[in-house]
N, C-alpha and C. Protein backbone atom coordinates (compact mmCIF):
# COMPACT_ATOMS: atom_id res chain seq x y z
N UNK A 1 103.24 78.54 9.14
CA UNK A 1 102.05 77.71 9.47
C UNK A 1 101.55 78.07 10.87
N UNK A 2 102.51 78.23 11.84
CA UNK A 2 102.11 78.67 13.22
C UNK A 2 101.30 79.92 13.22
N UNK A 3 101.71 80.92 12.43
CA UNK A 3 101.02 82.22 12.47
C UNK A 3 99.62 82.10 11.90
N UNK A 4 99.49 81.33 10.84
CA UNK A 4 98.19 81.16 10.18
C UNK A 4 97.23 80.45 11.15
N UNK A 5 97.63 79.29 11.78
CA UNK A 5 96.72 78.67 12.60
C UNK A 5 96.41 79.43 13.89
N UNK A 6 97.30 80.15 14.42
CA UNK A 6 97.12 80.93 15.64
C UNK A 6 96.18 82.05 15.37
N UNK A 7 96.46 82.76 14.23
CA UNK A 7 95.52 83.80 13.90
C UNK A 7 94.05 83.37 13.65
N UNK A 8 93.97 82.21 13.02
CA UNK A 8 92.62 81.64 12.75
C UNK A 8 91.91 81.36 13.97
N UNK A 9 92.66 80.75 15.02
CA UNK A 9 92.07 80.35 16.21
C UNK A 9 91.58 81.64 17.02
N UNK A 10 92.42 82.76 16.93
CA UNK A 10 92.08 83.96 17.70
C UNK A 10 90.85 84.56 17.16
N UNK A 11 90.56 84.38 15.95
CA UNK A 11 89.40 85.07 15.32
C UNK A 11 88.05 84.56 15.89
N UNK A 12 88.14 83.37 16.47
CA UNK A 12 86.90 82.76 16.92
C UNK A 12 86.47 83.16 18.38
N UNK A 13 87.30 84.00 19.05
CA UNK A 13 87.05 84.35 20.38
C UNK A 13 86.43 85.72 20.49
N UNK A 14 85.55 85.80 21.66
CA UNK A 14 85.00 87.08 22.09
C UNK A 14 85.89 87.77 23.00
N UNK A 15 85.43 88.87 23.59
CA UNK A 15 86.27 89.61 24.51
C UNK A 15 86.36 88.81 25.80
N UNK A 16 87.57 88.75 26.44
CA UNK A 16 87.84 87.92 27.50
C UNK A 16 87.42 88.56 28.79
N UNK A 17 87.10 87.72 29.84
CA UNK A 17 86.85 88.26 31.23
C UNK A 17 88.04 87.76 32.09
N UNK A 18 88.76 86.83 31.72
CA UNK A 18 90.03 86.53 32.47
C UNK A 18 91.00 87.65 32.22
N UNK A 19 91.97 87.74 33.09
CA UNK A 19 92.91 88.90 33.04
C UNK A 19 94.30 88.29 32.87
N UNK A 20 95.11 89.15 32.18
CA UNK A 20 96.52 88.85 31.90
C UNK A 20 97.34 90.02 32.09
N UNK A 21 98.59 89.88 32.62
CA UNK A 21 99.52 90.92 32.79
C UNK A 21 100.81 90.54 32.01
N UNK A 22 101.52 91.61 31.60
CA UNK A 22 102.75 91.41 30.83
C UNK A 22 103.80 92.24 31.60
N UNK A 23 104.88 91.59 31.91
CA UNK A 23 105.89 92.29 32.67
C UNK A 23 107.25 92.06 31.97
N UNK A 24 107.99 93.09 31.62
CA UNK A 24 109.40 92.87 31.05
C UNK A 24 110.28 93.10 32.15
N UNK A 25 111.11 92.08 32.50
CA UNK A 25 112.02 92.20 33.64
C UNK A 25 113.24 92.88 33.23
N UNK A 26 113.59 93.96 33.95
CA UNK A 26 114.81 94.79 33.64
C UNK A 26 115.51 95.19 34.87
N UNK A 27 116.16 96.22 34.88
CA UNK A 27 116.90 96.75 36.08
C UNK A 27 116.81 98.26 36.21
N UNK A 28 117.20 98.95 37.23
CA UNK A 28 117.23 100.39 37.27
C UNK A 28 118.24 100.92 36.29
N UNK A 29 119.39 100.19 36.09
CA UNK A 29 120.44 100.65 35.22
C UNK A 29 120.16 100.51 33.70
N UNK A 30 119.36 99.56 33.36
CA UNK A 30 119.20 99.18 31.95
C UNK A 30 117.80 98.57 31.65
N UNK A 31 117.06 99.23 30.76
CA UNK A 31 115.80 98.72 30.33
C UNK A 31 116.01 97.71 29.18
N UNK A 32 115.39 96.62 29.25
CA UNK A 32 115.60 95.56 28.21
C UNK A 32 114.70 95.81 27.02
N UNK A 33 115.27 95.84 25.82
CA UNK A 33 114.49 96.02 24.62
C UNK A 33 113.83 94.67 24.20
N UNK A 34 112.85 94.81 23.28
CA UNK A 34 112.17 93.62 22.76
C UNK A 34 113.15 92.66 22.11
N UNK A 35 114.14 93.18 21.46
CA UNK A 35 115.06 92.37 20.75
C UNK A 35 116.02 91.59 21.76
N UNK A 36 116.05 91.99 22.94
CA UNK A 36 116.89 91.38 23.95
C UNK A 36 116.18 90.28 24.72
N UNK A 37 114.89 90.12 24.41
CA UNK A 37 114.04 89.03 25.12
C UNK A 37 114.32 87.75 24.45
N UNK A 38 114.97 86.82 25.16
CA UNK A 38 115.23 85.53 24.67
C UNK A 38 114.39 84.45 25.29
N UNK A 39 113.78 84.69 26.40
CA UNK A 39 113.00 83.63 27.17
C UNK A 39 111.72 84.30 27.75
N UNK A 40 110.64 83.60 27.60
CA UNK A 40 109.34 84.09 28.02
C UNK A 40 108.71 83.09 28.92
N UNK A 41 108.08 83.50 30.04
CA UNK A 41 107.32 82.60 30.95
C UNK A 41 105.96 83.11 30.97
N UNK A 42 105.03 82.16 30.76
CA UNK A 42 103.55 82.40 30.87
C UNK A 42 102.98 81.53 31.97
N UNK A 43 102.48 82.27 33.09
CA UNK A 43 101.92 81.57 34.22
C UNK A 43 100.36 81.46 33.97
N UNK A 44 99.96 80.17 33.87
CA UNK A 44 98.54 80.00 33.50
C UNK A 44 97.89 79.53 34.87
N UNK A 45 97.36 80.39 35.60
CA UNK A 45 96.81 80.18 36.90
C UNK A 45 95.32 80.38 36.95
N UNK A 46 94.57 79.56 36.14
CA UNK A 46 93.19 79.78 35.92
C UNK A 46 92.51 78.58 35.53
N UNK A 47 91.16 78.61 35.47
CA UNK A 47 90.35 77.46 34.94
C UNK A 47 90.57 77.50 33.40
N UNK A 48 90.38 76.41 32.82
CA UNK A 48 90.48 76.31 31.35
C UNK A 48 89.10 76.75 30.85
N UNK A 49 89.09 77.86 30.29
CA UNK A 49 87.82 78.50 29.70
C UNK A 49 88.10 79.26 28.42
N UNK A 50 87.05 79.63 27.78
CA UNK A 50 87.30 80.45 26.55
C UNK A 50 87.95 81.74 26.90
N UNK A 51 87.56 82.43 27.92
CA UNK A 51 88.33 83.69 28.31
C UNK A 51 89.79 83.49 28.60
N UNK A 52 90.06 82.46 29.40
CA UNK A 52 91.48 82.32 29.80
C UNK A 52 92.35 81.79 28.63
N UNK A 53 91.81 81.01 27.75
CA UNK A 53 92.56 80.49 26.59
C UNK A 53 92.61 81.64 25.57
N UNK A 54 91.64 82.48 25.58
CA UNK A 54 91.73 83.70 24.69
C UNK A 54 92.94 84.53 25.10
N UNK A 55 93.19 84.64 26.41
CA UNK A 55 94.32 85.38 26.85
C UNK A 55 95.64 84.66 26.44
N UNK A 56 95.63 83.41 26.61
CA UNK A 56 96.83 82.64 26.25
C UNK A 56 97.16 82.81 24.77
N UNK A 57 96.13 82.71 23.89
CA UNK A 57 96.36 82.91 22.49
C UNK A 57 96.86 84.28 22.12
N UNK A 58 96.32 85.28 22.85
CA UNK A 58 96.83 86.66 22.60
C UNK A 58 98.23 86.79 23.04
N UNK A 59 98.58 86.10 24.16
CA UNK A 59 100.01 86.33 24.58
C UNK A 59 100.96 85.45 23.66
N UNK A 60 100.53 84.34 23.15
CA UNK A 60 101.39 83.56 22.19
C UNK A 60 101.53 84.40 20.92
N UNK A 61 100.47 84.96 20.44
CA UNK A 61 100.58 85.72 19.18
C UNK A 61 101.43 86.99 19.45
N UNK A 62 101.31 87.63 20.60
CA UNK A 62 102.13 88.77 20.91
C UNK A 62 103.63 88.40 20.87
N UNK A 63 104.00 87.35 21.49
CA UNK A 63 105.36 86.88 21.49
C UNK A 63 105.86 86.67 20.05
N UNK A 64 105.03 85.91 19.30
CA UNK A 64 105.39 85.63 17.95
C UNK A 64 105.62 86.86 17.04
N UNK A 65 104.82 87.82 17.25
CA UNK A 65 104.92 89.09 16.41
C UNK A 65 105.85 90.07 16.89
N UNK A 66 106.09 90.14 18.18
CA UNK A 66 106.82 91.28 18.71
C UNK A 66 108.14 90.97 19.32
N UNK A 67 108.48 89.64 19.48
CA UNK A 67 109.72 89.36 20.25
C UNK A 67 110.47 88.37 19.32
N UNK A 68 111.22 88.86 18.30
CA UNK A 68 111.87 88.02 17.24
C UNK A 68 112.89 87.11 17.68
N UNK A 69 113.54 87.38 18.87
CA UNK A 69 114.71 86.61 19.24
C UNK A 69 114.39 85.63 20.39
N UNK A 70 113.09 85.36 20.67
CA UNK A 70 112.76 84.44 21.73
C UNK A 70 113.16 83.01 21.22
N UNK A 71 113.84 82.37 22.10
CA UNK A 71 114.25 80.96 21.84
C UNK A 71 113.54 79.98 22.83
N UNK A 72 113.03 80.46 23.93
CA UNK A 72 112.32 79.61 24.88
C UNK A 72 111.01 80.20 25.37
N UNK A 73 109.93 79.35 25.36
CA UNK A 73 108.67 79.79 25.94
C UNK A 73 108.40 78.72 26.97
N UNK A 74 108.13 79.17 28.16
CA UNK A 74 107.66 78.26 29.26
C UNK A 74 106.27 78.55 29.61
N UNK A 75 105.42 77.61 29.62
CA UNK A 75 104.04 77.68 30.07
C UNK A 75 103.88 76.95 31.40
N UNK A 76 103.76 77.70 32.50
CA UNK A 76 103.71 77.11 33.85
C UNK A 76 102.24 77.12 34.20
N UNK A 77 101.78 75.87 34.48
CA UNK A 77 100.33 75.66 34.69
C UNK A 77 99.98 75.22 36.05
N UNK A 78 98.96 75.77 36.62
CA UNK A 78 98.38 75.27 37.85
C UNK A 78 96.77 75.49 37.62
N UNK A 79 96.10 74.40 37.35
CA UNK A 79 94.73 74.46 36.88
C UNK A 79 93.92 73.20 37.22
N UNK A 80 92.72 73.42 37.66
CA UNK A 80 91.85 72.29 37.90
C UNK A 80 91.13 71.79 36.64
N UNK A 81 91.40 72.46 35.49
CA UNK A 81 90.69 72.08 34.32
C UNK A 81 89.53 72.95 33.98
N UNK A 82 88.57 72.45 33.17
CA UNK A 82 87.46 73.24 32.76
C UNK A 82 86.89 72.83 31.43
N UNK A 83 86.81 73.76 30.57
CA UNK A 83 86.09 73.54 29.22
C UNK A 83 86.82 72.73 28.33
N UNK A 84 86.31 71.65 27.70
CA UNK A 84 87.09 70.72 26.90
C UNK A 84 87.34 71.46 25.54
N UNK A 85 86.46 72.20 25.00
CA UNK A 85 86.75 72.81 23.69
C UNK A 85 87.83 73.83 23.81
N UNK A 86 87.78 74.60 24.88
CA UNK A 86 88.88 75.62 25.12
C UNK A 86 90.18 74.94 25.28
N UNK A 87 90.21 73.80 26.05
CA UNK A 87 91.46 73.10 26.25
C UNK A 87 92.07 72.50 24.91
N UNK A 88 91.16 72.06 24.01
CA UNK A 88 91.67 71.52 22.70
C UNK A 88 92.20 72.62 21.85
N UNK A 89 91.51 73.80 21.96
CA UNK A 89 92.00 74.94 21.18
C UNK A 89 93.45 75.37 21.65
N UNK A 90 93.58 75.36 22.92
CA UNK A 90 94.89 75.74 23.55
C UNK A 90 95.96 74.78 23.15
N UNK A 91 95.66 73.47 23.15
CA UNK A 91 96.47 72.43 22.80
C UNK A 91 97.03 72.63 21.39
N UNK A 92 96.11 72.92 20.42
CA UNK A 92 96.49 73.06 19.05
C UNK A 92 97.42 74.37 18.84
N UNK A 93 97.01 75.41 19.54
CA UNK A 93 97.77 76.62 19.51
C UNK A 93 99.15 76.44 20.04
N UNK A 94 99.36 75.75 21.15
CA UNK A 94 100.62 75.56 21.79
C UNK A 94 101.55 74.77 20.82
N UNK A 95 100.97 73.73 20.15
CA UNK A 95 101.69 72.82 19.29
C UNK A 95 102.07 73.62 18.00
N UNK A 96 101.35 74.62 17.69
CA UNK A 96 101.54 75.35 16.37
C UNK A 96 102.64 76.50 16.45
N UNK A 97 103.08 76.75 17.64
CA UNK A 97 103.98 77.84 17.81
C UNK A 97 105.32 77.54 17.14
N UNK A 98 105.92 78.47 16.39
CA UNK A 98 107.20 78.17 15.72
C UNK A 98 108.32 77.98 16.78
N UNK A 99 108.19 78.62 17.94
CA UNK A 99 109.15 78.46 19.01
C UNK A 99 108.60 77.37 19.88
N UNK A 100 109.34 76.25 20.17
CA UNK A 100 108.85 75.22 20.94
C UNK A 100 108.45 75.69 22.39
N UNK A 101 107.34 75.18 22.83
CA UNK A 101 106.81 75.58 24.20
C UNK A 101 107.07 74.41 25.14
N UNK A 102 107.70 74.71 26.22
CA UNK A 102 107.94 73.80 27.31
C UNK A 102 106.83 74.09 28.44
N UNK A 103 106.02 73.02 28.74
CA UNK A 103 104.99 73.20 29.73
C UNK A 103 105.57 72.65 31.07
N UNK A 104 105.12 73.27 32.12
CA UNK A 104 105.57 72.93 33.46
C UNK A 104 104.43 72.82 34.41
N UNK A 105 104.27 71.79 35.10
CA UNK A 105 103.28 71.52 36.17
C UNK A 105 103.76 72.20 37.42
N UNK A 106 103.11 73.34 37.84
CA UNK A 106 103.47 74.08 39.06
C UNK A 106 103.03 73.39 40.32
N UNK A 107 101.76 72.66 40.27
CA UNK A 107 101.42 72.01 41.45
C UNK A 107 100.26 70.97 41.02
N UNK A 108 99.33 71.47 40.24
CA UNK A 108 98.12 70.61 39.92
C UNK A 108 97.72 70.81 38.52
N UNK A 109 97.79 69.85 37.66
CA UNK A 109 97.26 69.92 36.28
C UNK A 109 96.23 68.84 36.09
N UNK A 110 95.02 69.21 36.13
CA UNK A 110 93.90 68.24 36.14
C UNK A 110 92.95 68.36 34.97
N UNK A 111 92.36 67.32 34.62
CA UNK A 111 91.21 67.30 33.64
C UNK A 111 91.66 67.98 32.35
N UNK A 112 90.86 68.92 31.87
CA UNK A 112 91.08 69.66 30.62
C UNK A 112 92.48 70.39 30.61
N UNK A 113 93.05 70.72 31.79
CA UNK A 113 94.31 71.34 31.81
C UNK A 113 95.36 70.42 31.29
N UNK A 114 95.20 69.11 31.31
CA UNK A 114 96.17 68.23 30.86
C UNK A 114 96.38 68.30 29.32
N UNK A 115 95.34 68.91 28.63
CA UNK A 115 95.51 69.05 27.18
C UNK A 115 96.55 70.12 26.92
N UNK A 116 96.51 71.18 27.69
CA UNK A 116 97.50 72.34 27.56
C UNK A 116 98.89 71.72 27.81
N UNK A 117 98.93 70.95 28.88
CA UNK A 117 100.21 70.35 29.35
C UNK A 117 100.83 69.48 28.27
N UNK A 118 99.92 68.68 27.65
CA UNK A 118 100.43 67.72 26.59
C UNK A 118 100.85 68.41 25.28
N UNK A 119 100.38 69.68 25.15
CA UNK A 119 100.84 70.43 23.95
C UNK A 119 102.29 70.81 23.92
N UNK A 120 102.96 70.74 25.09
CA UNK A 120 104.35 71.14 25.17
C UNK A 120 105.32 70.02 24.48
N UNK A 121 106.37 70.58 23.83
CA UNK A 121 107.37 69.77 23.26
C UNK A 121 108.10 69.02 24.33
N UNK A 122 108.49 69.84 25.34
CA UNK A 122 109.02 69.29 26.63
C UNK A 122 107.99 69.51 27.73
N UNK A 123 107.89 68.54 28.58
CA UNK A 123 106.84 68.58 29.67
C UNK A 123 107.49 68.36 30.97
N UNK A 124 107.55 69.39 31.86
CA UNK A 124 108.31 69.24 33.07
C UNK A 124 107.34 69.39 34.23
N UNK A 125 107.83 69.18 35.43
CA UNK A 125 107.06 69.43 36.69
C UNK A 125 107.91 69.50 37.87
N UNK A 126 107.37 70.15 38.88
CA UNK A 126 108.12 70.21 40.19
C UNK A 126 107.78 68.93 40.94
N UNK A 127 108.62 68.69 41.82
CA UNK A 127 108.64 67.36 42.46
C UNK A 127 107.33 66.94 43.12
N UNK A 128 106.62 67.93 43.69
CA UNK A 128 105.34 67.57 44.38
C UNK A 128 104.14 67.70 43.54
N UNK A 129 104.24 67.96 42.27
CA UNK A 129 103.12 68.18 41.44
C UNK A 129 102.35 66.94 41.18
N UNK A 130 101.09 67.07 40.73
CA UNK A 130 100.37 65.84 40.35
C UNK A 130 99.40 66.16 39.25
N UNK A 131 98.85 65.09 38.68
CA UNK A 131 97.88 65.17 37.46
C UNK A 131 96.60 64.41 37.81
N UNK A 132 95.50 64.87 37.33
CA UNK A 132 94.28 64.03 37.25
C UNK A 132 93.81 63.75 35.90
N UNK A 133 93.67 62.46 35.65
CA UNK A 133 93.11 62.01 34.44
C UNK A 133 91.74 61.29 34.70
N UNK A 134 90.73 61.74 34.03
CA UNK A 134 89.40 61.23 34.26
C UNK A 134 88.53 61.53 33.11
N UNK A 135 87.26 60.92 33.06
CA UNK A 135 86.37 61.12 31.98
C UNK A 135 85.86 62.60 31.80
N UNK A 136 85.62 62.93 30.62
CA UNK A 136 85.02 64.21 30.36
C UNK A 136 83.61 64.26 30.91
N UNK A 137 83.11 65.48 31.30
CA UNK A 137 81.81 65.65 31.89
C UNK A 137 81.04 66.68 31.07
N UNK A 138 79.72 66.48 31.05
CA UNK A 138 78.82 67.47 30.48
C UNK A 138 77.97 68.10 31.56
N UNK A 139 78.06 69.38 31.63
CA UNK A 139 77.12 69.97 32.74
C UNK A 139 75.89 70.59 32.02
N UNK A 140 74.75 70.03 32.74
CA UNK A 140 73.47 70.45 32.26
C UNK A 140 72.45 70.23 33.37
N UNK A 141 71.77 71.35 33.81
CA UNK A 141 70.90 71.22 34.91
C UNK A 141 69.39 71.20 34.56
N UNK A 142 69.11 71.16 33.29
CA UNK A 142 67.63 71.23 32.92
C UNK A 142 67.16 69.85 32.66
N UNK A 143 65.82 69.80 32.62
CA UNK A 143 65.17 68.49 32.23
C UNK A 143 65.39 68.23 30.76
N UNK A 144 65.66 66.97 30.46
CA UNK A 144 66.03 66.67 29.12
C UNK A 144 65.08 65.45 28.54
N UNK A 145 64.72 65.54 27.36
CA UNK A 145 64.04 64.40 26.71
C UNK A 145 65.04 63.44 26.15
N UNK A 146 64.57 62.27 25.74
CA UNK A 146 65.49 61.24 25.29
C UNK A 146 66.44 61.69 24.21
N UNK A 147 65.91 62.58 23.21
CA UNK A 147 66.72 62.99 22.21
C UNK A 147 67.93 63.89 22.71
N UNK A 148 67.59 64.76 23.61
CA UNK A 148 68.56 65.67 24.25
C UNK A 148 69.57 64.78 24.93
N UNK A 149 69.18 63.74 25.65
CA UNK A 149 70.10 63.01 26.45
C UNK A 149 71.06 62.25 25.45
N UNK A 150 70.54 61.75 24.34
CA UNK A 150 71.36 61.08 23.32
C UNK A 150 72.44 61.98 22.84
N UNK A 151 71.93 63.27 22.56
CA UNK A 151 72.93 64.25 22.05
C UNK A 151 74.00 64.56 23.06
N UNK A 152 73.64 64.65 24.35
CA UNK A 152 74.69 64.91 25.42
C UNK A 152 75.64 63.78 25.44
N UNK A 153 75.16 62.52 25.39
CA UNK A 153 75.99 61.34 25.37
C UNK A 153 76.94 61.32 24.16
N UNK A 154 76.50 61.85 22.96
CA UNK A 154 77.39 61.90 21.85
C UNK A 154 78.46 63.01 22.02
N UNK A 155 78.03 64.07 22.67
CA UNK A 155 79.08 65.19 22.96
C UNK A 155 80.06 64.65 23.92
N UNK A 156 79.68 64.00 24.93
CA UNK A 156 80.60 63.35 25.86
C UNK A 156 81.55 62.45 25.23
N UNK A 157 80.97 61.60 24.30
CA UNK A 157 81.85 60.59 23.63
C UNK A 157 82.85 61.35 22.80
N UNK A 158 82.49 62.46 22.20
CA UNK A 158 83.46 63.25 21.40
C UNK A 158 84.55 63.84 22.23
N UNK A 159 84.21 64.32 23.42
CA UNK A 159 85.22 64.87 24.32
C UNK A 159 86.21 63.81 24.80
N UNK A 160 85.68 62.69 25.14
CA UNK A 160 86.52 61.56 25.59
C UNK A 160 87.45 61.11 24.49
N UNK A 161 86.99 61.20 23.21
CA UNK A 161 87.83 60.87 22.10
C UNK A 161 88.94 61.77 21.97
N UNK A 162 88.83 63.10 22.33
CA UNK A 162 89.85 64.01 22.23
C UNK A 162 90.91 63.71 23.31
N UNK A 163 90.43 63.41 24.56
CA UNK A 163 91.30 62.91 25.57
C UNK A 163 92.16 61.76 25.15
N UNK A 164 91.49 60.75 24.54
CA UNK A 164 92.11 59.59 24.13
C UNK A 164 93.19 59.81 23.05
N UNK A 165 92.86 60.65 22.15
CA UNK A 165 93.87 61.01 21.15
C UNK A 165 95.08 61.70 21.60
N UNK A 166 94.85 62.65 22.59
CA UNK A 166 96.03 63.33 23.09
C UNK A 166 96.83 62.47 24.07
N UNK A 167 96.22 61.70 24.90
CA UNK A 167 96.89 60.84 25.77
C UNK A 167 97.68 59.79 25.06
N UNK A 168 97.10 59.31 23.94
CA UNK A 168 97.76 58.34 23.14
C UNK A 168 99.09 58.83 22.50
N UNK A 169 99.25 60.18 22.43
CA UNK A 169 100.39 60.71 21.82
C UNK A 169 101.40 61.31 22.91
N UNK A 170 100.97 61.52 24.10
CA UNK A 170 101.88 62.12 25.13
C UNK A 170 102.02 61.29 26.29
N UNK A 171 101.66 59.95 26.31
CA UNK A 171 101.86 59.08 27.32
C UNK A 171 102.14 57.75 26.72
N UNK A 172 102.53 56.80 27.64
CA UNK A 172 102.77 55.44 27.14
C UNK A 172 101.57 54.46 27.58
N UNK A 173 100.48 55.12 28.04
CA UNK A 173 99.20 54.31 28.24
C UNK A 173 98.82 53.71 26.99
N UNK A 174 98.42 52.44 27.03
CA UNK A 174 97.85 51.77 25.77
C UNK A 174 96.29 52.11 25.75
N UNK A 175 95.74 51.75 24.54
CA UNK A 175 94.28 52.08 24.37
C UNK A 175 93.42 51.51 25.48
N UNK A 176 93.70 50.33 25.84
CA UNK A 176 92.83 49.62 26.92
C UNK A 176 92.95 50.39 28.17
N UNK A 177 94.04 50.80 28.59
CA UNK A 177 94.37 51.51 29.82
C UNK A 177 93.71 52.96 29.74
N UNK A 178 93.74 53.60 28.61
CA UNK A 178 93.13 54.89 28.46
C UNK A 178 91.57 54.82 28.56
N UNK A 179 91.11 53.82 27.80
CA UNK A 179 89.65 53.65 27.82
C UNK A 179 89.17 53.31 29.19
N UNK A 180 89.94 52.61 30.05
CA UNK A 180 89.49 52.26 31.32
C UNK A 180 89.33 53.48 32.22
N UNK A 181 90.25 54.41 32.27
CA UNK A 181 90.04 55.55 33.21
C UNK A 181 89.14 56.68 32.55
N UNK A 182 88.89 56.53 31.25
CA UNK A 182 87.92 57.46 30.54
C UNK A 182 86.49 56.89 30.56
N UNK A 183 86.36 55.60 31.00
CA UNK A 183 85.03 54.98 31.03
C UNK A 183 84.26 55.27 32.17
N UNK A 184 84.89 55.49 33.33
CA UNK A 184 84.18 55.68 34.60
C UNK A 184 84.97 56.58 35.54
N UNK A 185 84.21 57.43 36.29
CA UNK A 185 84.88 58.32 37.18
C UNK A 185 85.57 57.53 38.40
N UNK A 186 85.04 56.38 38.62
CA UNK A 186 85.60 55.57 39.72
C UNK A 186 86.96 55.08 39.28
N UNK A 187 87.35 55.10 38.00
CA UNK A 187 88.62 54.75 37.48
C UNK A 187 89.64 55.88 37.33
N UNK A 188 89.22 57.03 37.76
CA UNK A 188 90.06 58.28 37.61
C UNK A 188 91.47 57.96 38.16
N UNK A 189 92.41 58.59 37.56
CA UNK A 189 93.89 58.41 38.01
C UNK A 189 94.44 59.69 38.56
N UNK A 190 94.87 59.59 39.77
CA UNK A 190 95.76 60.63 40.27
C UNK A 190 97.17 60.21 40.15
N UNK A 191 97.99 61.02 39.33
CA UNK A 191 99.31 60.64 39.02
C UNK A 191 100.37 61.66 39.59
N UNK A 192 101.21 61.02 40.38
CA UNK A 192 102.32 61.88 40.95
C UNK A 192 103.32 62.31 39.82
N UNK A 193 104.22 63.22 40.14
CA UNK A 193 105.28 63.54 39.10
C UNK A 193 106.09 62.32 38.88
N UNK A 194 106.36 61.56 39.86
CA UNK A 194 107.20 60.41 39.61
C UNK A 194 106.61 59.38 38.67
N UNK A 195 105.30 59.16 38.86
CA UNK A 195 104.60 58.26 37.91
C UNK A 195 104.44 58.88 36.58
N UNK A 196 104.27 60.22 36.59
CA UNK A 196 104.15 60.85 35.29
C UNK A 196 105.35 60.69 34.43
N UNK A 197 106.53 60.68 35.04
CA UNK A 197 107.80 60.32 34.31
C UNK A 197 107.78 58.89 33.81
N UNK A 198 107.32 58.06 34.62
CA UNK A 198 107.25 56.58 34.17
C UNK A 198 106.23 56.46 33.03
N UNK A 199 105.17 57.15 33.06
CA UNK A 199 104.17 57.10 32.06
C UNK A 199 104.46 57.98 30.83
N UNK A 200 105.56 58.64 30.81
CA UNK A 200 105.99 59.48 29.75
C UNK A 200 105.12 60.74 29.54
N UNK A 201 104.19 60.91 30.55
CA UNK A 201 103.36 62.22 30.49
C UNK A 201 104.31 63.40 30.74
N UNK A 202 105.20 63.22 31.69
CA UNK A 202 106.25 64.23 31.91
C UNK A 202 107.59 63.79 31.40
N UNK A 203 108.43 64.72 31.03
CA UNK A 203 109.72 64.42 30.46
C UNK A 203 110.87 64.75 31.36
N UNK A 204 110.49 65.34 32.49
CA UNK A 204 111.62 65.80 33.46
C UNK A 204 111.08 66.46 34.66
N UNK A 205 111.98 66.57 35.71
CA UNK A 205 111.59 67.19 36.93
C UNK A 205 112.56 68.41 37.20
N UNK A 206 112.00 69.52 37.68
CA UNK A 206 112.75 70.70 37.95
C UNK A 206 112.74 71.00 39.46
N UNK A 207 113.79 71.64 40.00
CA UNK A 207 113.80 72.04 41.36
C UNK A 207 113.75 73.55 41.47
N UNK A 208 113.90 74.31 40.31
CA UNK A 208 113.89 75.69 40.32
C UNK A 208 113.03 76.07 39.08
N UNK A 209 112.26 77.18 39.17
CA UNK A 209 111.47 77.62 38.11
C UNK A 209 112.43 78.40 37.11
N UNK A 210 112.05 78.41 35.82
CA UNK A 210 112.91 79.14 34.93
C UNK A 210 112.76 80.68 35.00
N UNK A 211 113.89 81.34 34.76
CA UNK A 211 113.83 82.86 34.76
C UNK A 211 113.71 83.32 33.34
N UNK A 212 112.90 84.39 33.22
CA UNK A 212 112.74 84.89 31.79
C UNK A 212 112.72 86.34 31.82
N UNK A 213 113.05 87.03 30.69
CA UNK A 213 113.04 88.42 30.66
C UNK A 213 111.65 89.02 30.45
N UNK A 214 110.70 88.15 29.96
CA UNK A 214 109.37 88.59 29.84
C UNK A 214 108.42 87.54 30.49
N UNK A 215 107.50 88.12 31.29
CA UNK A 215 106.63 87.21 32.11
C UNK A 215 105.13 87.65 31.91
N UNK A 216 104.26 86.66 31.58
CA UNK A 216 102.83 86.93 31.60
C UNK A 216 102.19 86.16 32.65
N UNK A 217 101.17 86.62 33.20
CA UNK A 217 100.28 85.90 34.13
C UNK A 217 98.83 85.90 33.58
N UNK A 218 98.18 84.68 33.55
CA UNK A 218 96.83 84.54 33.22
C UNK A 218 96.11 83.94 34.48
N UNK A 219 95.14 84.70 34.89
CA UNK A 219 94.39 84.28 36.14
C UNK A 219 92.91 84.58 35.93
N UNK A 220 92.09 83.90 36.68
CA UNK A 220 90.72 84.24 36.75
C UNK A 220 90.51 85.45 37.55
N UNK A 221 89.69 86.38 36.94
CA UNK A 221 89.37 87.62 37.61
C UNK A 221 88.08 87.55 38.39
N UNK A 222 88.17 87.33 39.64
CA UNK A 222 87.00 87.13 40.47
C UNK A 222 86.44 88.43 41.04
N UNK A 223 87.04 89.59 40.57
CA UNK A 223 86.58 90.82 41.08
C UNK A 223 85.32 91.40 40.26
N UNK A 224 85.04 90.67 39.10
CA UNK A 224 83.98 91.20 38.29
C UNK A 224 82.79 90.20 38.38
């Protein structure tokens, strides 16, 4: 099931402008083979966008196809958020992986990036990390007629419904509480790692980052 869903999601993407690196950690004495890779870390240090999520899907697919003995996948996130559709695609892909993914808040997981975070079977964070939960936004700088405004409002409502669905499954906020912070930007919530534990958004705290034989980094490429 994981392979089918992930392959289908990947087919919808164009060429990415975000960049990703793959590094297999070895030593001078011994090169590690693919069969010896048991743990993988993916550092997602980018805005949530179609290009960056494309890189994430490619990395997940590569792990699934080429590293048969991987038992642990860590997705370490520091992101201000971004595109809601890209975030939801990433959420579905993470949850569809046959190897459970552990998500880790490196410092800041905000807005659409919380969708990636909530995709993890285990959700960890460093002690000083925090989260931002707030309403979805629609960016449009052009003049709009009443019909177009109504369509934008419907789109915004759809995005907030995605947030509500995901937060309902990965936190202990009730519907009324979720609707409150999704209803107005003035009700946005900044949540510390300590409160994230209380709210079941996070399942644990770490004081050291995991070590892995294979490391990917996904970052915005500002050189182009």
